[in-house]
Amino acid sequence: MPSRGALPEDGAGLVSTDNSAPHKEDLSSKIKEQKIVVDELSNLKKNRKVYRQQQNSNIFFLADRTEMLSESKNILDELKKEYQEIENLEKTKIKK
């Protein structure tokens, strides 16, 4: 099963609220996508092969299913954390 392994961008972190709405929507879609990846990897049989796509190319390499699952969960946690930070920033802006 090909896995895109969506990684957060290098500039991930706190963002000004000027462009947070599009960034928040983008994060939300990445979170949904990553949830699907984690769910698909979780439901695979033990003997199934998993492939990882080489970044910026159409080349795939055989990968370990448990490592991919663990990495995908970590990415999902990072995306959720960033999304929560943006929501918290918006709440503090509204309170002021």
C-alpha atoms as a PDB file:
ATOM      1  CA  MET A   1       0.000   0.000   0.000  1.00  0.00           C
ATOM      2  CA  PRO A   2       1.522   3.337  -0.943  1.00  0.00           C
ATOM      3  CA  SER A   3       1.793   5.829   1.837  1.00  0.00           C
ATOM      4  CA  ARG A   4       2.406   9.463   1.139  1.00  0.00           C
ATOM      5  CA  GLY A   5       3.803  10.039   4.611  1.00  0.00           C
ATOM      6  CA  ALA A   6       2.656  13.638   4.725  1.00  0.00           C
ATOM      7  CA  LEU A   7       5.169  15.515   6.802  1.00  0.00           C
ATOM      8  CA  PRO A   8       4.531  18.926   8.299  1.00  0.00           C
ATOM      9  CA  GLU A   9       6.207  21.790   6.519  1.00  0.00           C
ATOM     10  CA  ASP A  10       9.544  23.132   7.753  1.00  0.00           C
ATOM     11  CA  GLY A  11       7.932  26.412   8.783  1.00  0.00           C
ATOM     12  CA  ALA A  12       5.487  24.669  11.111  1.00  0.00           C
ATOM     13  CA  GLY A  13       4.838  26.391  14.399  1.00  0.00           C
ATOM     14  CA  LEU A  14       3.096  29.499  15.597  1.00  0.00           C
ATOM     15  CA  VAL A  15       1.512  31.506  12.808  1.00  0.00           C
ATOM     16  CA  SER A  16       0.088  35.014  12.817  1.00  0.00           C
ATOM     17  CA  THR A  17      -3.700  35.084  12.666  1.00  0.00           C
ATOM     18  CA  ASP A  18      -3.652  37.092   9.412  1.00  0.00           C
ATOM     19  CA  ASN A  19      -3.287  33.912   7.373  1.00  0.00           C
ATOM     20  CA  SER A  20      -4.323  31.391  10.022  1.00  0.00           C
ATOM     21  CA  ALA A  21      -7.722  30.645   8.483  1.00  0.00           C
ATOM     22  CA  PRO A  22      -6.318  29.125   5.264  1.00  0.00           C
ATOM     23  CA  HIS A  23      -3.508  27.498   7.256  1.00  0.00           C
ATOM     24  CA  LYS A  24      -6.046  26.101   9.718  1.00  0.00           C
ATOM     25  CA  GLU A  25      -8.126  24.643   6.873  1.00  0.00           C
ATOM     26  CA  ASP A  26      -5.002  23.156   5.322  1.00  0.00           C
ATOM     27  CA  LEU A  27      -4.026  21.622   8.662  1.00  0.00           C
ATOM     28  CA  SER A  28      -7.520  20.240   9.094  1.00  0.00           C
ATOM     29  CA  SER A  29      -7.368  18.477   5.725  1.00  0.00           C
ATOM     30  CA  LYS A  30      -3.866  17.141   6.497  1.00  0.00           C
ATOM     31  CA  ILE A  31      -5.143  15.807   9.830  1.00  0.00           C
ATOM     32  CA  LYS A  32      -8.028  14.018   8.087  1.00  0.00           C
ATOM     33  CA  GLU A  33      -5.642  12.576   5.526  1.00  0.00           C
ATOM     34  CA  GLN A  34      -3.204  11.409   8.207  1.00  0.00           C
ATOM     35  CA  LYS A  35      -6.033   9.802  10.206  1.00  0.00           C
ATOM     36  CA  ILE A  36      -6.899   7.751   7.137  1.00  0.00           C
ATOM     37  CA  VAL A  37      -3.252   6.699   6.699  1.00  0.00           C
ATOM     38  CA  VAL A  38      -3.041   5.621  10.356  1.00  0.00           C
ATOM     39  CA  ASP A  39      -6.355   3.751  10.107  1.00  0.00           C
ATOM     40  CA  GLU A  40      -5.326   1.963   6.899  1.00  0.00           C
ATOM     41  CA  LEU A  41      -1.955   0.954   8.340  1.00  0.00           C
ATOM     42  CA  SER A  42      -3.602  -0.226  11.569  1.00  0.00           C
ATOM     43  CA  ASN A  43      -6.014  -2.484   9.712  1.00  0.00           C
ATOM     44  CA  LEU A  44      -3.434  -4.171   7.493  1.00  0.00           C
ATOM     45  CA  LYS A  45      -2.717  -7.856   7.975  1.00  0.00           C
ATOM     46  CA  LYS A  46       0.720  -8.632   9.390  1.00  0.00           C
ATOM     47  CA  ASN A  47       1.991 -10.200   6.174  1.00  0.00           C
ATOM     48  CA  ARG A  48       1.071  -7.247   3.910  1.00  0.00           C
ATOM     49  CA  LYS A  49       3.800  -5.142   2.364  1.00  0.00           C
ATOM     50  CA  VAL A  50       3.938  -1.376   2.782  1.00  0.00           C
ATOM     51  CA  TYR A  51       5.724   0.973   0.431  1.00  0.00           C
ATOM     52  CA  ARG A  52       6.944   4.492   1.078  1.00  0.00           C
ATOM     53  CA  GLN A  53       7.009   7.043  -1.716  1.00  0.00           C
ATOM     54  CA  GLN A  54      10.291   8.841  -2.222  1.00  0.00           C
ATOM     55  CA  GLN A  55       9.691  12.545  -1.670  1.00  0.00           C
ATOM     56  CA  ASN A  56       9.126  14.533  -4.888  1.00  0.00           C
ATOM     57  CA  SER A  57       9.252  11.462  -7.138  1.00  0.00           C
ATOM     58  CA  ASN A  58       7.284   8.435  -8.244  1.00  0.00           C
ATOM     59  CA  ILE A  59       9.704   5.925  -6.725  1.00  0.00           C
ATOM     60  CA  PHE A  60       8.473   3.616  -3.961  1.00  0.00           C
ATOM     61  CA  PHE A  61      10.568   1.671  -1.442  1.00  0.00           C
ATOM     62  CA  LEU A  62       9.573  -1.254   0.726  1.00  0.00           C
ATOM     63  CA  ALA A  63       9.070  -0.108   4.335  1.00  0.00           C
ATOM     64  CA  ASP A  64       8.357  -1.750   7.673  1.00  0.00           C
ATOM     65  CA  ARG A  65       4.647  -1.636   8.511  1.00  0.00           C
ATOM     66  CA  THR A  66       5.137  -1.031  12.244  1.00  0.00           C
ATOM     67  CA  GLU A  67       7.661   1.758  11.634  1.00  0.00           C
ATOM     68  CA  MET A  68       5.342   3.420   9.133  1.00  0.00           C
ATOM     69  CA  LEU A  69       2.431   3.160  11.564  1.00  0.00           C
ATOM     70  CA  SER A  70       4.480   4.645  14.388  1.00  0.00           C
ATOM     71  CA  GLU A  71       5.764   7.454  12.183  1.00  0.00           C
ATOM     72  CA  SER A  72       2.275   8.194  10.869  1.00  0.00           C
ATOM     73  CA  LYS A  73       0.906   8.409  14.425  1.00  0.00           C
ATOM     74  CA  ASN A  74       3.703  10.815  15.380  1.00  0.00           C
ATOM     75  CA  ILE A  75       2.956  12.998  12.369  1.00  0.00           C
ATOM     76  CA  LEU A  76      -0.740  12.991  13.277  1.00  0.00           C
ATOM     77  CA  ASP A  77       0.089  14.053  16.842  1.00  0.00           C
ATOM     78  CA  GLU A  78       2.283  16.902  15.561  1.00  0.00           C
ATOM     79  CA  LEU A  79      -0.434  18.108  13.199  1.00  0.00           C
ATOM     80  CA  LYS A  80      -3.045  18.006  15.978  1.00  0.00           C
ATOM     81  CA  LYS A  81      -0.707  19.914  18.284  1.00  0.00           C
ATOM     82  CA  GLU A  82      -0.129  22.618  15.689  1.00  0.00           C
ATOM     83  CA  TYR A  83      -3.877  22.859  15.011  1.00  0.00           C
ATOM     84  CA  GLN A  84      -4.534  23.226  18.747  1.00  0.00           C
ATOM     85  CA  GLU A  85      -1.911  25.987  19.000  1.00  0.00           C
ATOM     86  CA  ILE A  86      -3.639  27.926  16.230  1.00  0.00           C
ATOM     87  CA  GLU A  87      -7.018  27.515  17.941  1.00  0.00           C
ATOM     88  CA  ASN A  88      -5.545  28.698  21.242  1.00  0.00           C
ATOM     89  CA  LEU A  89      -4.019  31.742  19.539  1.00  0.00           C
ATOM     90  CA  GLU A  90      -7.391  32.594  18.018  1.00  0.00           C
ATOM     91  CA  LYS A  91      -9.111  32.259  21.397  1.00  0.00           C
ATOM     92  CA  THR A  92      -6.604  34.552  23.094  1.00  0.00           C
ATOM     93  CA  LYS A  93      -6.972  37.106  20.271  1.00  0.00           C
ATOM     94  CA  ILE A  94     -10.762  37.080  20.697  1.00  0.00           C
ATOM     95  CA  LYS A  95     -10.501  37.560  24.473  1.00  0.00           C
ATOM     96  CA  LYS A  96      -8.373  40.703  24.049  1.00  0.00           C
END
